[in-house]
Amino acid sequence: MDLLASLLSTLRLHTTVFAQGTFCGSWAIDTSGSGQASFHLVVAGRCFLRMPPADQTWPLGPGDLVLFPRDAPHAITPGVGSEAPPTAAVPVPFDIAPPEPGTGLLCGHFEFARTRRNPVLDALPDHVLFRAHERADSWPRRVIEQVIRESKAGAPASSVVIERLVDILFIEAVRRRAAAAPDAIGLFAALRDPQLRRAIEGMHARPEHDWTVASLAERAAMSRSAFAARFHAVLAETPVQYLTRWRMQLAYGWLRDGAVTVLDVALRAGYQTEAAFIRAFKREMGVTPGAVRRAAVGRA
């Protein structure tokens, strides 16, 4: 089972580009604080990424892309010591290519399905940087180059093409972290643990099953106590908490589709009664399943 694909599918990832412009003189951009993941792509010129609290600084040039999966505080500035107050990036039509001189930036944010906590986002670092000087045969580099071409060309539906390409880059950031993360705790650490992985695969493959800590431990070929202790140590939650959150993320997606009743979703999520499901859903998601379904039907 492709667990990473299973987890990413519940994110319902959608990228929105909200600004394309050129910045000259004294300026700074800080899009953090919105509660949304965001990104900035340097289309032309040079600038610096600054992140508190230690005020770490990275130089950025044409083709460099930085992603902020969890809305980390940051500022994009024209110089290391820039003290200009942050300004909101102003959207401009996509048929206007950023002129020189100045720093051309393409800014946007990532939208995800509503959830109080997502293991994929929790497992990512505060920022992910794709560098333009990566080797020429790197496909992410070629994708970024295509994004820049689209931003300058002003062709029909350029904004849609750009947003889908950045979707792909976000997924690649997740894959890179999953493959190379040195973490001893967190989602990616759990997926590298063969025994924990077997238990997680079971929950993802059959969320409606009446899983217990004992049955999950048996699947992991561990004693109940050893399994429960290792699971909590690596994922910072109990197996039952993980299962509940996974079920609610699936349920949220089913409800957003609007084609099934709340009772149908409850049964698919492993609940015997609609009332028990409603209580669990509201506790985890902060909203009733009926409200999610009504909103979905209203959009149809």
C-alpha atoms as a PDB file:
ATOM      1  CA  MET A   1       0.000   0.000   0.000  1.00  0.00           C
ATOM      2  CA  ASP A   2       1.290   3.487  -0.875  1.00  0.00           C
ATOM      3  CA  LEU A   3       0.812   5.102   2.524  1.00  0.00           C
ATOM      4  CA  LEU A   4       2.180   8.445   1.418  1.00  0.00           C
ATOM      5  CA  ALA A   5      -0.328   8.617  -1.429  1.00  0.00           C
ATOM      6  CA  SER A   6      -3.077   7.660   0.989  1.00  0.00           C
ATOM      7  CA  LEU A   7      -2.127  10.481   3.355  1.00  0.00           C
ATOM      8  CA  LEU A   8      -1.672  13.067   0.619  1.00  0.00           C
ATOM      9  CA  SER A   9      -5.070  12.264  -0.854  1.00  0.00           C
ATOM     10  CA  THR A  10      -6.791  13.493   2.309  1.00  0.00           C
ATOM     11  CA  LEU A  11      -5.025  16.852   2.119  1.00  0.00           C
ATOM     12  CA  ARG A  12      -7.158  17.831  -0.879  1.00  0.00           C
ATOM     13  CA  LEU A  13      -4.241  20.034  -1.908  1.00  0.00           C
ATOM     14  CA  HIS A  14      -5.037  23.098  -3.984  1.00  0.00           C
ATOM     15  CA  THR A  15      -2.600  25.894  -4.796  1.00  0.00           C
ATOM     16  CA  THR A  16      -3.716  29.471  -5.375  1.00  0.00           C
ATOM     17  CA  VAL A  17      -1.447  32.156  -6.810  1.00  0.00           C
ATOM     18  CA  PHE A  18      -2.480  35.468  -5.291  1.00  0.00           C
ATOM     19  CA  ALA A  19       0.280  37.810  -6.436  1.00  0.00           C
ATOM     20  CA  GLN A  20       2.755  38.394  -9.212  1.00  0.00           C
ATOM     21  CA  GLY A  21       4.760  41.584  -9.168  1.00  0.00           C
ATOM     22  CA  THR A  22       8.074  43.387  -9.148  1.00  0.00           C
ATOM     23  CA  PHE A  23       9.425  45.046  -6.017  1.00  0.00           C
ATOM     24  CA  CYS A  24      11.916  47.901  -6.121  1.00  0.00           C
ATOM     25  CA  GLY A  25      13.520  50.203  -3.575  1.00  0.00           C
ATOM     26  CA  SER A  26      12.781  49.579   0.114  1.00  0.00           C
ATOM     27  CA  TRP A  27      10.352  46.727   0.639  1.00  0.00           C
ATOM     28  CA  ALA A  28       9.670  43.504   2.548  1.00  0.00           C
ATOM     29  CA  ILE A  29       7.049  40.774   2.222  1.00  0.00           C
ATOM     30  CA  ASP A  30       5.738  38.658   5.066  1.00  0.00           C
ATOM     31  CA  THR A  31       2.699  36.542   4.276  1.00  0.00           C
ATOM     32  CA  SER A  32       2.829  34.554   7.530  1.00  0.00           C
ATOM     33  CA  GLY A  33       0.112  34.814  10.151  1.00  0.00           C
ATOM     34  CA  SER A  34      -2.705  33.924   7.768  1.00  0.00           C
ATOM     35  CA  GLY A  35      -2.913  30.348   9.017  1.00  0.00           C
ATOM     36  CA  GLN A  36      -2.218  29.084   5.489  1.00  0.00           C
ATOM     37  CA  ALA A  37       0.824  27.394   4.016  1.00  0.00           C
ATOM     38  CA  SER A  38       2.474  29.630   1.432  1.00  0.00           C
ATOM     39  CA  PHE A  39       5.250  29.878  -1.150  1.00  0.00           C
ATOM     40  CA  HIS A  40       7.398  32.499  -2.889  1.00  0.00           C
ATOM     41  CA  LEU A  41       9.151  31.990  -6.224  1.00  0.00           C
ATOM     42  CA  VAL A  42      11.865  34.401  -7.369  1.00  0.00           C
ATOM     43  CA  VAL A  43      11.145  35.086 -11.030  1.00  0.00           C
ATOM     44  CA  ALA A  44      13.817  37.763 -11.550  1.00  0.00           C
ATOM     45  CA  GLY A  45      16.431  39.641  -9.512  1.00  0.00           C
ATOM     46  CA  ARG A  46      17.717  38.752  -6.070  1.00  0.00           C
ATOM     47  CA  CYS A  47      16.500  38.946  -2.485  1.00  0.00           C
ATOM     48  CA  PHE A  48      16.881  37.320   0.933  1.00  0.00           C
ATOM     49  CA  LEU A  49      14.810  34.985   3.068  1.00  0.00           C
ATOM     50  CA  ARG A  50      14.888  35.870   6.770  1.00  0.00           C
ATOM     51  CA  MET A  51      13.357  33.718   9.513  1.00  0.00           C
ATOM     52  CA  PRO A  52      13.109  34.477  13.247  1.00  0.00           C
ATOM     53  CA  PRO A  53      13.847  33.978  16.049  1.00  0.00           C
ATOM     54  CA  ALA A  54      17.561  33.690  15.225  1.00  0.00           C
ATOM     55  CA  ASP A  55      17.105  35.822  12.102  1.00  0.00           C
ATOM     56  CA  GLN A  56      18.602  33.132   9.879  1.00  0.00           C
ATOM     57  CA  THR A  57      19.180  34.434   6.362  1.00  0.00           C
ATOM     58  CA  TRP A  58      19.399  32.737   2.961  1.00  0.00           C
ATOM     59  CA  PRO A  59      20.129  34.500  -0.358  1.00  0.00           C
ATOM     60  CA  LEU A  60      17.575  33.831  -3.096  1.00  0.00           C
ATOM     61  CA  GLY A  61      18.012  34.220  -6.849  1.00  0.00           C
ATOM     62  CA  PRO A  62      16.056  33.612 -10.048  1.00  0.00           C
ATOM     63  CA  GLY A  63      14.402  30.193 -10.003  1.00  0.00           C
ATOM     64  CA  ASP A  64      14.644  29.687  -6.222  1.00  0.00           C
ATOM     65  CA  LEU A  65      11.376  28.503  -4.668  1.00  0.00           C
ATOM     66  CA  VAL A  66      10.655  28.458  -0.931  1.00  0.00           C
ATOM     67  CA  LEU A  67       7.658  26.663   0.602  1.00  0.00           C
ATOM     68  CA  PHE A  68       6.272  27.260   4.104  1.00  0.00           C
ATOM     69  CA  PRO A  69       4.118  24.200   4.947  1.00  0.00           C
ATOM     70  CA  ARG A  70       3.007  25.465   8.381  1.00  0.00           C
ATOM     71  CA  ASP A  71       2.831  29.259   7.997  1.00  0.00           C
ATOM     72  CA  ALA A  72       6.208  29.830   9.676  1.00  0.00           C
ATOM     73  CA  PRO A  73       7.138  33.497  10.372  1.00  0.00           C
ATOM     74  CA  HIS A  74       9.375  34.823   7.614  1.00  0.00           C
ATOM     75  CA  ALA A  75      10.226  37.873   5.540  1.00  0.00           C
ATOM     76  CA  ILE A  76      11.455  38.271   1.970  1.00  0.00           C
ATOM     77  CA  THR A  77      13.638  41.385   1.755  1.00  0.00           C
ATOM     78  CA  PRO A  78      15.931  43.036  -0.813  1.00  0.00           C
ATOM     79  CA  GLY A  79      18.934  43.048   1.536  1.00  0.00           C
ATOM     80  CA  VAL A  80      20.283  41.307   4.623  1.00  0.00           C
ATOM     81  CA  GLY A  81      19.773  44.338   6.844  1.00  0.00           C
ATOM     82  CA  SER A  82      16.507  45.526   5.336  1.00  0.00           C
ATOM     83  CA  GLU A  83      14.212  46.975   7.966  1.00  0.00           C
ATOM     84  CA  ALA A  84      11.322  48.002   5.751  1.00  0.00           C
ATOM     85  CA  PRO A  85       7.920  47.075   7.195  1.00  0.00           C
ATOM     86  CA  PRO A  86       6.313  44.010   5.606  1.00  0.00           C
ATOM     87  CA  THR A  87       3.905  44.811   2.781  1.00  0.00           C
ATOM     88  CA  ALA A  88       1.212  42.731   1.168  1.00  0.00           C
ATOM     89  CA  ALA A  89       1.997  41.556  -2.339  1.00  0.00           C
ATOM     90  CA  VAL A  90      -0.396  43.220  -4.775  1.00  0.00           C
ATOM     91  CA  PRO A  91      -1.925  40.962  -7.449  1.00  0.00           C
ATOM     92  CA  VAL A  92      -1.418  42.011 -11.064  1.00  0.00           C
ATOM     93  CA  PRO A  93      -2.798  40.489 -14.285  1.00  0.00           C
ATOM     94  CA  PHE A  94      -0.949  37.401 -15.471  1.00  0.00           C
ATOM     95  CA  ASP A  95      -0.365  38.913 -18.890  1.00  0.00           C
ATOM     96  CA  ILE A  96       1.996  41.494 -17.389  1.00  0.00           C
ATOM     97  CA  ALA A  97       5.536  40.086 -17.116  1.00  0.00           C
ATOM     98  CA  PRO A  98       7.694  41.517 -14.286  1.00  0.00           C
ATOM     99  CA  PRO A  99       9.998  44.186 -15.780  1.00  0.00           C
ATOM    100  CA  GLU A 100      13.607  44.800 -14.824  1.00  0.00           C
ATOM    101  CA  PRO A 101      15.156  46.120 -12.649  1.00  0.00           C
ATOM    102  CA  GLY A 102      13.801  44.901  -9.319  1.00  0.00           C
ATOM    103  CA  THR A 103      12.887  41.595  -7.775  1.00  0.00           C
ATOM    104  CA  GLY A 104      10.139  39.691  -9.544  1.00  0.00           C
ATOM    105  CA  LEU A 105       8.140  37.440  -7.220  1.00  0.00           C
ATOM    106  CA  LEU A 106       5.310  34.975  -7.651  1.00  0.00           C
ATOM    107  CA  CYS A 107       3.461  34.341  -4.374  1.00  0.00           C
ATOM    108  CA  GLY A 108       0.697  31.987  -3.397  1.00  0.00           C
ATOM    109  CA  HIS A 109      -0.720  29.749  -0.737  1.00  0.00           C
ATOM    110  CA  PHE A 110      -1.744  26.119  -0.349  1.00  0.00           C
ATOM    111  CA  GLU A 111      -5.257  25.177   0.672  1.00  0.00           C
ATOM    112  CA  PHE A 112      -5.970  21.886   2.435  1.00  0.00           C
ATOM    113  CA  ALA A 113      -9.061  20.097   3.633  1.00  0.00           C
ATOM    114  CA  ARG A 114     -10.007  21.307   7.096  1.00  0.00           C
ATOM    115  CA  THR A 115      -8.283  19.392   9.870  1.00  0.00           C
ATOM    116  CA  ARG A 116      -6.969  20.344  13.262  1.00  0.00           C
ATOM    117  CA  ARG A 117      -3.775  18.393  12.779  1.00  0.00           C
ATOM    118  CA  ASN A 118      -2.315  16.734   9.725  1.00  0.00           C
ATOM    119  CA  PRO A 119       0.553  14.245  10.074  1.00  0.00           C
ATOM    120  CA  VAL A 120       2.033  15.164   6.669  1.00  0.00           C
ATOM    121  CA  LEU A 121       2.245  18.873   7.459  1.00  0.00           C
ATOM    122  CA  ASP A 122       3.485  18.164  10.987  1.00  0.00           C
ATOM    123  CA  ALA A 123       6.324  16.057   9.557  1.00  0.00           C
ATOM    124  CA  LEU A 124       7.635  18.787   7.257  1.00  0.00           C
ATOM    125  CA  PRO A 125      10.225  21.388   8.313  1.00  0.00           C
ATOM    126  CA  ASP A 126       9.359  25.070   8.724  1.00  0.00           C
ATOM    127  CA  HIS A 127      10.507  25.760   5.188  1.00  0.00           C
ATOM    128  CA  VAL A 128      11.529  23.781   2.099  1.00  0.00           C
ATOM    129  CA  LEU A 129      13.878  25.409  -0.420  1.00  0.00           C
ATOM    130  CA  PHE A 130      14.232  24.323  -4.046  1.00  0.00           C
ATOM    131  CA  ARG A 131      17.411  25.845  -5.487  1.00  0.00           C
ATOM    132  CA  ALA A 132      17.774  26.863  -9.130  1.00  0.00           C
ATOM    133  CA  HIS A 133      21.355  25.590  -9.163  1.00  0.00           C
ATOM    134  CA  GLU A 134      20.245  21.989  -8.689  1.00  0.00           C
ATOM    135  CA  ARG A 135      21.686  19.783 -11.405  1.00  0.00           C
ATOM    136  CA  ALA A 136      20.265  20.361 -14.871  1.00  0.00           C
ATOM    137  CA  ASP A 137      18.523  16.983 -15.071  1.00  0.00           C
ATOM    138  CA  SER A 138      16.508  17.633 -11.907  1.00  0.00           C
ATOM    139  CA  TRP A 139      12.848  17.506 -12.884  1.00  0.00           C
ATOM    140  CA  PRO A 140      11.766  19.903 -10.092  1.00  0.00           C
ATOM    141  CA  ARG A 141      14.134  22.459 -11.596  1.00  0.00           C
ATOM    142  CA  ARG A 142      12.503  22.001 -14.988  1.00  0.00           C
ATOM    143  CA  VAL A 143       9.044  22.358 -13.450  1.00  0.00           C
ATOM    144  CA  ILE A 144      10.096  25.618 -11.765  1.00  0.00           C
ATOM    145  CA  GLU A 145      11.481  26.872 -15.080  1.00  0.00           C
ATOM    146  CA  GLN A 146       8.116  26.130 -16.672  1.00  0.00           C
ATOM    147  CA  VAL A 147       6.347  28.041 -13.897  1.00  0.00           C
ATOM    148  CA  ILE A 148       8.530  31.068 -14.651  1.00  0.00           C
ATOM    149  CA  ARG A 149       7.846  30.768 -18.374  1.00  0.00           C
ATOM    150  CA  GLU A 150       4.114  30.609 -17.719  1.00  0.00           C
ATOM    151  CA  SER A 151       4.290  33.643 -15.412  1.00  0.00           C
ATOM    152  CA  LYS A 152       5.979  35.704 -18.121  1.00  0.00           C
ATOM    153  CA  ALA A 153       4.089  34.447 -21.178  1.00  0.00           C
ATOM    154  CA  GLY A 154       0.606  35.497 -20.151  1.00  0.00           C
ATOM    155  CA  ALA A 155      -0.933  32.633 -22.125  1.00  0.00           C
ATOM    156  CA  PRO A 156      -4.571  31.638 -21.585  1.00  0.00           C
ATOM    157  CA  ALA A 157      -5.088  29.793 -18.274  1.00  0.00           C
ATOM    158  CA  SER A 158      -1.503  30.496 -17.166  1.00  0.00           C
ATOM    159  CA  SER A 159      -2.610  30.877 -13.554  1.00  0.00           C
ATOM    160  CA  VAL A 160      -4.220  27.405 -13.582  1.00  0.00           C
ATOM    161  CA  VAL A 161      -1.116  25.818 -15.114  1.00  0.00           C
ATOM    162  CA  ILE A 162       1.114  27.508 -12.534  1.00  0.00           C
ATOM    163  CA  GLU A 163      -1.074  26.376  -9.643  1.00  0.00           C
ATOM    164  CA  ARG A 164      -1.074  22.743 -10.774  1.00  0.00           C
ATOM    165  CA  LEU A 165       2.703  22.767 -11.280  1.00  0.00           C
ATOM    166  CA  VAL A 166       3.248  24.137  -7.778  1.00  0.00           C
ATOM    167  CA  ASP A 167       0.936  21.378  -6.463  1.00  0.00           C
ATOM    168  CA  ILE A 168       3.425  18.901  -7.935  1.00  0.00           C
ATOM    169  CA  LEU A 169       6.367  20.681  -6.300  1.00  0.00           C
ATOM    170  CA  PHE A 170       4.670  20.536  -2.898  1.00  0.00           C
ATOM    171  CA  ILE A 171       4.180  16.782  -3.290  1.00  0.00           C
ATOM    172  CA  GLU A 172       7.838  16.426  -4.278  1.00  0.00           C
ATOM    173  CA  ALA A 173       8.841  18.318  -1.119  1.00  0.00           C
ATOM    174  CA  VAL A 174       6.888  15.751   0.905  1.00  0.00           C
ATOM    175  CA  ARG A 175       8.509  12.835  -0.951  1.00  0.00           C
ATOM    176  CA  ARG A 176      11.994  14.245  -0.414  1.00  0.00           C
ATOM    177  CA  ARG A 177      11.393  14.657   3.291  1.00  0.00           C
ATOM    178  CA  ALA A 178       9.960  11.162   3.582  1.00  0.00           C
ATOM    179  CA  ALA A 179      13.016   9.687   1.847  1.00  0.00           C
ATOM    180  CA  ALA A 180      15.704  11.674   3.633  1.00  0.00           C
ATOM    181  CA  ALA A 181      14.287  12.765   6.985  1.00  0.00           C
ATOM    182  CA  PRO A 182      16.682  11.895   9.822  1.00  0.00           C
ATOM    183  CA  ASP A 183      13.913  12.248  12.423  1.00  0.00           C
ATOM    184  CA  ALA A 184      13.529   9.578  15.077  1.00  0.00           C
ATOM    185  CA  ILE A 185       9.943  10.659  15.705  1.00  0.00           C
ATOM    186  CA  GLY A 186       7.028  11.739  13.516  1.00  0.00           C
ATOM    187  CA  LEU A 187       5.123  10.308  10.594  1.00  0.00           C
ATOM    188  CA  PHE A 188       8.084   9.611   8.325  1.00  0.00           C
ATOM    189  CA  ALA A 189       9.938   7.848  11.133  1.00  0.00           C
ATOM    190  CA  ALA A 190       6.881   5.652  11.682  1.00  0.00           C
ATOM    191  CA  LEU A 191       6.694   4.802   7.978  1.00  0.00           C
ATOM    192  CA  ARG A 192      10.327   3.672   8.056  1.00  0.00           C
ATOM    193  CA  ASP A 193       9.600   1.343  10.992  1.00  0.00           C
ATOM    194  CA  PRO A 194       8.466  -1.998   9.461  1.00  0.00           C
ATOM    195  CA  GLN A 195       6.335  -2.991  12.443  1.00  0.00           C
ATOM    196  CA  LEU A 196       4.601   0.355  12.931  1.00  0.00           C
ATOM    197  CA  ARG A 197       4.138   0.616   9.190  1.00  0.00           C
ATOM    198  CA  ARG A 198       2.226  -2.673   9.057  1.00  0.00           C
ATOM    199  CA  ALA A 199      -0.181  -1.401  11.705  1.00  0.00           C
ATOM    200  CA  ILE A 200      -0.656   1.944   9.956  1.00  0.00           C
ATOM    201  CA  GLU A 201      -1.197   0.183   6.623  1.00  0.00           C
ATOM    202  CA  GLY A 202      -3.986  -1.827   8.222  1.00  0.00           C
ATOM    203  CA  MET A 203      -5.751   1.301   9.507  1.00  0.00           C
ATOM    204  CA  HIS A 204      -5.445   3.020   6.139  1.00  0.00           C
ATOM    205  CA  ALA A 205      -6.562   0.017   4.101  1.00  0.00           C
ATOM    206  CA  ARG A 206      -9.557  -0.819   6.320  1.00  0.00           C
ATOM    207  CA  PRO A 207     -10.607   2.264   8.317  1.00  0.00           C
ATOM    208  CA  GLU A 208     -14.056   0.741   8.945  1.00  0.00           C
ATOM    209  CA  HIS A 209     -12.581  -2.310  10.709  1.00  0.00           C
ATOM    210  CA  ASP A 210     -13.044  -2.637  14.473  1.00  0.00           C
ATOM    211  CA  TRP A 211      -9.362  -2.107  15.231  1.00  0.00           C
ATOM    212  CA  THR A 212      -8.116  -2.377  18.795  1.00  0.00           C
ATOM    213  CA  VAL A 213      -4.654  -1.832  20.220  1.00  0.00           C
ATOM    214  CA  ALA A 214      -4.395  -5.610  20.618  1.00  0.00           C
ATOM    215  CA  SER A 215      -5.327  -6.371  16.989  1.00  0.00           C
ATOM    216  CA  LEU A 216      -2.981  -3.674  15.690  1.00  0.00           C
ATOM    217  CA  ALA A 217      -0.175  -5.019  17.879  1.00  0.00           C
ATOM    218  CA  GLU A 218      -0.800  -8.497  16.487  1.00  0.00           C
ATOM    219  CA  ARG A 219      -0.552  -7.109  12.949  1.00  0.00           C
ATOM    220  CA  ALA A 220       2.740  -5.439  13.906  1.00  0.00           C
ATOM    221  CA  ALA A 221       4.002  -8.723  15.438  1.00  0.00           C
ATOM    222  CA  MET A 222       4.567  -7.045  18.808  1.00  0.00           C
ATOM    223  CA  SER A 223       3.204  -7.373  22.297  1.00  0.00           C
ATOM    224  CA  ARG A 224       0.353  -5.019  23.102  1.00  0.00           C
ATOM    225  CA  SER A 225       2.352  -3.005  25.627  1.00  0.00           C
ATOM    226  CA  ALA A 226       5.475  -2.733  23.467  1.00  0.00           C
ATOM    227  CA  PHE A 227       3.440  -1.695  20.430  1.00  0.00           C
ATOM    228  CA  ALA A 228       1.458   0.950  22.323  1.00  0.00           C
ATOM    229  CA  ALA A 229       4.635   2.384  23.847  1.00  0.00           C
ATOM    230  CA  ARG A 230       6.567   2.547  20.569  1.00  0.00           C
ATOM    231  CA  PHE A 231       3.614   3.973  18.636  1.00  0.00           C
ATOM    232  CA  HIS A 232       3.172   6.788  21.148  1.00  0.00           C
ATOM    233  CA  ALA A 233       6.903   7.451  21.360  1.00  0.00           C
ATOM    234  CA  VAL A 234       7.217   7.864  17.585  1.00  0.00           C
ATOM    235  CA  LEU A 235       3.903   9.530  16.703  1.00  0.00           C
ATOM    236  CA  ALA A 236       3.105  11.364  19.963  1.00  0.00           C
ATOM    237  CA  GLU A 237      -0.409   9.920  20.044  1.00  0.00           C
ATOM    238  CA  THR A 238      -2.050   6.595  20.776  1.00  0.00           C
ATOM    239  CA  PRO A 239      -3.036   4.137  18.033  1.00  0.00           C
ATOM    240  CA  VAL A 240      -6.701   4.847  18.752  1.00  0.00           C
ATOM    241  CA  GLN A 241      -6.144   8.605  18.425  1.00  0.00           C
ATOM    242  CA  TYR A 242      -4.356   8.086  15.103  1.00  0.00           C
ATOM    243  CA  LEU A 243      -7.145   5.834  13.819  1.00  0.00           C
ATOM    244  CA  THR A 244      -9.823   8.339  14.853  1.00  0.00           C
ATOM    245  CA  ARG A 245      -8.039  11.203  13.135  1.00  0.00           C
ATOM    246  CA  TRP A 246      -7.552   9.158   9.967  1.00  0.00           C
ATOM    247  CA  ARG A 247     -11.229   8.200   9.926  1.00  0.00           C
ATOM    248  CA  MET A 248     -12.293  11.825  10.389  1.00  0.00           C
ATOM    249  CA  GLN A 249     -10.049  13.035   7.572  1.00  0.00           C
ATOM    250  CA  LEU A 250     -11.587  10.447   5.256  1.00  0.00           C
ATOM    251  CA  ALA A 251     -15.069  11.321   6.482  1.00  0.00           C
ATOM    252  CA  TYR A 252     -14.478  15.009   5.829  1.00  0.00           C
ATOM    253  CA  GLY A 253     -13.605  14.251   2.220  1.00  0.00           C
ATOM    254  CA  TRP A 254     -16.657  12.018   1.752  1.00  0.00           C
ATOM    255  CA  LEU A 255     -18.925  14.679   3.244  1.00  0.00           C
ATOM    256  CA  ARG A 256     -17.450  17.362   1.004  1.00  0.00           C
ATOM    257  CA  ASP A 257     -18.378  15.270  -2.016  1.00  0.00           C
ATOM    258  CA  GLY A 258     -21.990  15.699  -0.925  1.00  0.00           C
ATOM    259  CA  ALA A 259     -23.206  12.476  -2.562  1.00  0.00           C
ATOM    260  CA  VAL A 260     -23.645  10.402   0.618  1.00  0.00           C
ATOM    261  CA  THR A 261     -25.625  10.801   3.811  1.00  0.00           C
ATOM    262  CA  VAL A 262     -24.094  11.350   7.233  1.00  0.00           C
ATOM    263  CA  LEU A 263     -25.172   7.822   8.210  1.00  0.00           C
ATOM    264  CA  ASP A 264     -23.441   6.358   5.146  1.00  0.00           C
ATOM    265  CA  VAL A 265     -20.242   8.188   6.069  1.00  0.00           C
ATOM    266  CA  ALA A 266     -20.526   7.035   9.681  1.00  0.00           C
ATOM    267  CA  LEU A 267     -20.704   3.396   8.607  1.00  0.00           C
ATOM    268  CA  ARG A 268     -17.830   3.771   6.130  1.00  0.00           C
ATOM    269  CA  ALA A 269     -15.742   5.298   8.912  1.00  0.00           C
ATOM    270  CA  GLY A 270     -16.347   2.348  11.238  1.00  0.00           C
ATOM    271  CA  TYR A 271     -19.073   3.764  13.507  1.00  0.00           C
ATOM    272  CA  GLN A 272     -22.136   1.711  14.338  1.00  0.00           C
ATOM    273  CA  THR A 273     -24.372   4.694  15.064  1.00  0.00           C
ATOM    274  CA  GLU A 274     -24.731   8.122  13.487  1.00  0.00           C
ATOM    275  CA  ALA A 275     -24.783   9.770  16.919  1.00  0.00           C
ATOM    276  CA  ALA A 276     -21.399   8.319  17.923  1.00  0.00           C
ATOM    277  CA  PHE A 277     -19.894   9.436  14.636  1.00  0.00           C
ATOM    278  CA  ILE A 278     -21.275  12.981  14.945  1.00  0.00           C
ATOM    279  CA  ARG A 279     -19.772  13.336  18.438  1.00  0.00           C
ATOM    280  CA  ALA A 280     -16.363  12.056  17.291  1.00  0.00           C
ATOM    281  CA  PHE A 281     -16.373  14.205  14.147  1.00  0.00           C
ATOM    282  CA  LYS A 282     -17.230  17.437  15.951  1.00  0.00           C
ATOM    283  CA  ARG A 283     -14.625  16.730  18.628  1.00  0.00           C
ATOM    284  CA  GLU A 284     -11.895  16.163  16.022  1.00  0.00           C
ATOM    285  CA  MET A 285     -12.860  18.648  13.311  1.00  0.00           C
ATOM    286  CA  GLY A 286     -14.551  21.407  15.296  1.00  0.00           C
ATOM    287  CA  VAL A 287     -17.665  21.351  13.079  1.00  0.00           C
ATOM    288  CA  THR A 288     -20.607  18.997  12.653  1.00  0.00           C
ATOM    289  CA  PRO A 289     -20.695  16.568   9.715  1.00  0.00           C
ATOM    290  CA  GLY A 290     -24.080  17.975   8.724  1.00  0.00           C
ATOM    291  CA  ALA A 291     -22.593  21.448   8.339  1.00  0.00           C
ATOM    292  CA  VAL A 292     -19.817  20.114   6.092  1.00  0.00           C
ATOM    293  CA  ARG A 293     -22.309  18.223   3.926  1.00  0.00           C
ATOM    294  CA  ARG A 294     -24.717  21.176   3.664  1.00  0.00           C
ATOM    295  CA  ALA A 295     -21.864  23.443   2.575  1.00  0.00           C
ATOM    296  CA  ALA A 296     -20.861  20.879  -0.062  1.00  0.00           C
ATOM    297  CA  VAL A 297     -24.425  20.570  -1.380  1.00  0.00           C
ATOM    298  CA  GLY A 298     -24.709  24.353  -1.476  1.00  0.00           C
ATOM    299  CA  ARG A 299     -21.616  24.578  -3.692  1.00  0.00           C
ATOM    300  CA  ALA A 300     -22.978  22.010  -6.131  1.00  0.00           C
END
